[in-house]
Amino acid sequence: QVRVVESGGGLVQPGGSLRLSCSVSGIDFRFYAMGWYRQAPGKQRDVVATISGSFRTNYADSVKGRFTVSRDNAKNTVYLQMNSLKPEDTAVYYCNAEYPQLRATYWGQGTQVTVSS
């Protein structure tokens, strides 16, 4: 059974920080590209950051310089460090694991991040 489980969301004030975690089981984690996506009410789901199996990273322009994605293959876990948070970062954040050569993609259930005074 494949499991993708996000954690670490919550309520934070503007300018604050949060670290999201995504723990994965049931796949060979080393070979999967991992991504963080977010969706606000009434908006489409957008990519936030990705990290490949070889640790190559990409970021949405809106979060560059503020967010950092990383992975720990020994723990089968990917992280999203979020600093200098803004109200417009408020969304449900989803973790994705993808191996296109195997036509495999898996999604977590999401974790709520709310940035408000």
C-alpha atoms as a PDB file:
ATOM      1  CA  GLN A   1       0.000   0.000   0.000  1.00  0.00           C
ATOM      2  CA  VAL A   2       1.386   3.391  -1.030  1.00  0.00           C
ATOM      3  CA  ARG A   3       1.044   6.127   1.566  1.00  0.00           C
ATOM      4  CA  VAL A   4       1.838   9.829   1.130  1.00  0.00           C
ATOM      5  CA  VAL A   5       1.235  11.822   4.313  1.00  0.00           C
ATOM      6  CA  GLU A   6       1.786  15.562   4.782  1.00  0.00           C
ATOM      7  CA  SER A   7       2.202  17.221   8.162  1.00  0.00           C
ATOM      8  CA  GLY A   8       3.319  20.514   9.685  1.00  0.00           C
ATOM      9  CA  GLY A   9       0.604  22.876   8.527  1.00  0.00           C
ATOM     10  CA  GLY A  10      -1.105  25.349  10.801  1.00  0.00           C
ATOM     11  CA  LEU A  11      -1.828  28.991  11.551  1.00  0.00           C
ATOM     12  CA  VAL A  12       1.057  31.459  11.402  1.00  0.00           C
ATOM     13  CA  GLN A  13       1.361  35.253  11.378  1.00  0.00           C
ATOM     14  CA  PRO A  14       2.643  37.140   8.325  1.00  0.00           C
ATOM     15  CA  GLY A  15       6.435  37.050   8.286  1.00  0.00           C
ATOM     16  CA  GLY A  16       6.518  33.776  10.185  1.00  0.00           C
ATOM     17  CA  SER A  17       7.828  30.346   9.212  1.00  0.00           C
ATOM     18  CA  LEU A  18       6.585  26.785   8.917  1.00  0.00           C
ATOM     19  CA  ARG A  19       8.204  23.528   7.853  1.00  0.00           C
ATOM     20  CA  LEU A  20       6.045  20.979   6.070  1.00  0.00           C
ATOM     21  CA  SER A  21       6.970  17.299   5.946  1.00  0.00           C
ATOM     22  CA  CYS A  22       5.827  14.570   3.576  1.00  0.00           C
ATOM     23  CA  SER A  23       6.489  10.958   4.542  1.00  0.00           C
ATOM     24  CA  VAL A  24       6.192   8.287   1.851  1.00  0.00           C
ATOM     25  CA  SER A  25       5.977   4.513   2.098  1.00  0.00           C
ATOM     26  CA  GLY A  26       5.289   1.679  -0.320  1.00  0.00           C
ATOM     27  CA  ILE A  27       7.571   2.902  -3.144  1.00  0.00           C
ATOM     28  CA  ASP A  28      11.290   3.015  -3.852  1.00  0.00           C
ATOM     29  CA  PHE A  29      11.544   6.634  -2.779  1.00  0.00           C
ATOM     30  CA  ARG A  30      15.015   7.260  -4.265  1.00  0.00           C
ATOM     31  CA  PHE A  31      13.738   7.016  -7.849  1.00  0.00           C
ATOM     32  CA  TYR A  32      10.763   9.370  -7.494  1.00  0.00           C
ATOM     33  CA  ALA A  33      10.603  13.071  -8.166  1.00  0.00           C
ATOM     34  CA  MET A  34       8.800  14.875  -5.356  1.00  0.00           C
ATOM     35  CA  GLY A  35       6.727  18.023  -5.542  1.00  0.00           C
ATOM     36  CA  TRP A  36       4.773  20.421  -3.393  1.00  0.00           C
ATOM     37  CA  TYR A  37       1.566  21.927  -4.793  1.00  0.00           C
ATOM     38  CA  ARG A  38      -0.985  24.278  -3.274  1.00  0.00           C
ATOM     39  CA  GLN A  39      -4.605  25.166  -3.853  1.00  0.00           C
ATOM     40  CA  ALA A  40      -6.494  28.118  -2.397  1.00  0.00           C
ATOM     41  CA  PRO A  41     -10.317  28.323  -2.409  1.00  0.00           C
ATOM     42  CA  GLY A  42     -11.559  29.190  -5.894  1.00  0.00           C
ATOM     43  CA  LYS A  43      -8.091  28.760  -7.412  1.00  0.00           C
ATOM     44  CA  GLN A  44      -6.397  26.033  -9.422  1.00  0.00           C
ATOM     45  CA  ARG A  45      -3.788  23.732  -7.960  1.00  0.00           C
ATOM     46  CA  ASP A  46      -0.329  25.145  -8.724  1.00  0.00           C
ATOM     47  CA  VAL A  47       3.168  23.759  -8.345  1.00  0.00           C
ATOM     48  CA  VAL A  48       5.189  25.355  -5.553  1.00  0.00           C
ATOM     49  CA  ALA A  49       8.489  23.460  -5.624  1.00  0.00           C
ATOM     50  CA  THR A  50       9.924  20.215  -6.971  1.00  0.00           C
ATOM     51  CA  ILE A  51      12.988  18.116  -6.239  1.00  0.00           C
ATOM     52  CA  SER A  52      14.217  15.255  -8.408  1.00  0.00           C
ATOM     53  CA  GLY A  53      15.803  11.993  -7.360  1.00  0.00           C
ATOM     54  CA  SER A  54      19.160  13.604  -8.129  1.00  0.00           C
ATOM     55  CA  PHE A  55      18.305  16.594  -5.876  1.00  0.00           C
ATOM     56  CA  ARG A  56      17.659  19.090  -8.684  1.00  0.00           C
ATOM     57  CA  THR A  57      15.177  21.747  -7.513  1.00  0.00           C
ATOM     58  CA  ASN A  58      12.717  24.141  -9.135  1.00  0.00           C
ATOM     59  CA  TYR A  59      10.494  26.829  -7.592  1.00  0.00           C
ATOM     60  CA  ALA A  60       7.504  28.899  -8.556  1.00  0.00           C
ATOM     61  CA  ASP A  61       8.463  32.550  -9.014  1.00  0.00           C
ATOM     62  CA  SER A  62       6.120  33.550  -6.189  1.00  0.00           C
ATOM     63  CA  VAL A  63       8.124  31.604  -3.586  1.00  0.00           C
ATOM     64  CA  LYS A  64      11.718  31.933  -4.820  1.00  0.00           C
ATOM     65  CA  GLY A  65      14.000  33.157  -2.064  1.00  0.00           C
ATOM     66  CA  ARG A  66      11.461  32.326   0.639  1.00  0.00           C
ATOM     67  CA  PHE A  67      10.825  28.568   0.343  1.00  0.00           C
ATOM     68  CA  THR A  68      13.321  25.689   0.258  1.00  0.00           C
ATOM     69  CA  VAL A  69      12.523  22.111  -0.760  1.00  0.00           C
ATOM     70  CA  SER A  70      14.750  19.251   0.387  1.00  0.00           C
ATOM     71  CA  ARG A  71      14.631  15.476   0.726  1.00  0.00           C
ATOM     72  CA  ASP A  72      16.087  12.846   3.020  1.00  0.00           C
ATOM     73  CA  ASN A  73      16.182   9.529   1.186  1.00  0.00           C
ATOM     74  CA  ALA A  74      17.149   7.638   4.350  1.00  0.00           C
ATOM     75  CA  LYS A  75      13.861   8.770   5.919  1.00  0.00           C
ATOM     76  CA  ASN A  76      11.697   8.624   2.769  1.00  0.00           C
ATOM     77  CA  THR A  77      10.720  12.213   3.516  1.00  0.00           C
ATOM     78  CA  VAL A  78      10.550  15.491   1.611  1.00  0.00           C
ATOM     79  CA  TYR A  79      10.387  18.886   3.326  1.00  0.00           C
ATOM     80  CA  LEU A  80       9.241  22.383   2.465  1.00  0.00           C
ATOM     81  CA  GLN A  81      10.759  25.119   4.610  1.00  0.00           C
ATOM     82  CA  MET A  82       8.591  28.237   4.290  1.00  0.00           C
ATOM     83  CA  ASN A  83       9.940  31.573   5.526  1.00  0.00           C
ATOM     84  CA  SER A  84       8.645  35.149   5.303  1.00  0.00           C
ATOM     85  CA  LEU A  85       5.120  33.854   4.876  1.00  0.00           C
ATOM     86  CA  LYS A  86       2.475  36.091   3.314  1.00  0.00           C
ATOM     87  CA  PRO A  87      -1.337  35.946   3.471  1.00  0.00           C
ATOM     88  CA  GLU A  88      -1.367  34.938  -0.196  1.00  0.00           C
ATOM     89  CA  ASP A  89       0.492  31.746   0.767  1.00  0.00           C
ATOM     90  CA  THR A  90      -2.683  30.541   2.489  1.00  0.00           C
ATOM     91  CA  ALA A  91      -3.757  27.272   0.850  1.00  0.00           C
ATOM     92  CA  VAL A  92      -3.957  23.530   1.216  1.00  0.00           C
ATOM     93  CA  TYR A  93      -0.503  22.152   0.451  1.00  0.00           C
ATOM     94  CA  TYR A  94      -0.249  18.772  -1.280  1.00  0.00           C
ATOM     95  CA  CYS A  95       2.696  16.416  -1.664  1.00  0.00           C
ATOM     96  CA  ASN A  96       3.205  14.471  -4.896  1.00  0.00           C
ATOM     97  CA  ALA A  97       5.481  11.548  -5.792  1.00  0.00           C
ATOM     98  CA  GLU A  98       6.032  10.850  -9.500  1.00  0.00           C
ATOM     99  CA  TYR A  99       7.920   8.302 -11.611  1.00  0.00           C
ATOM    100  CA  PRO A 100       6.850   8.959 -15.218  1.00  0.00           C
ATOM    101  CA  GLN A 101       8.732   5.975 -16.674  1.00  0.00           C
ATOM    102  CA  LEU A 102       6.499   3.724 -14.580  1.00  0.00           C
ATOM    103  CA  ARG A 103       3.389   5.843 -15.199  1.00  0.00           C
ATOM    104  CA  ALA A 104       3.217   6.241 -11.436  1.00  0.00           C
ATOM    105  CA  THR A 105       1.965   9.252  -9.492  1.00  0.00           C
ATOM    106  CA  TYR A 106       0.731   9.486  -5.911  1.00  0.00           C
ATOM    107  CA  TRP A 107      -0.837  12.320  -3.912  1.00  0.00           C
ATOM    108  CA  GLY A 108      -1.182  13.034  -0.232  1.00  0.00           C
ATOM    109  CA  GLN A 109      -4.341  14.274   1.457  1.00  0.00           C
ATOM    110  CA  GLY A 110      -3.047  17.814   1.954  1.00  0.00           C
ATOM    111  CA  THR A 111      -2.274  20.001   4.954  1.00  0.00           C
ATOM    112  CA  GLN A 112      -3.776  23.437   5.619  1.00  0.00           C
ATOM    113  CA  VAL A 113      -1.503  26.479   5.874  1.00  0.00           C
ATOM    114  CA  THR A 114      -3.137  29.718   7.024  1.00  0.00           C
ATOM    115  CA  VAL A 115      -1.178  32.985   7.175  1.00  0.00           C
ATOM    116  CA  SER A 116      -3.146  35.623   9.072  1.00  0.00           C
ATOM    117  CA  SER A 117      -2.924  38.178  11.860  1.00  0.00           C
END
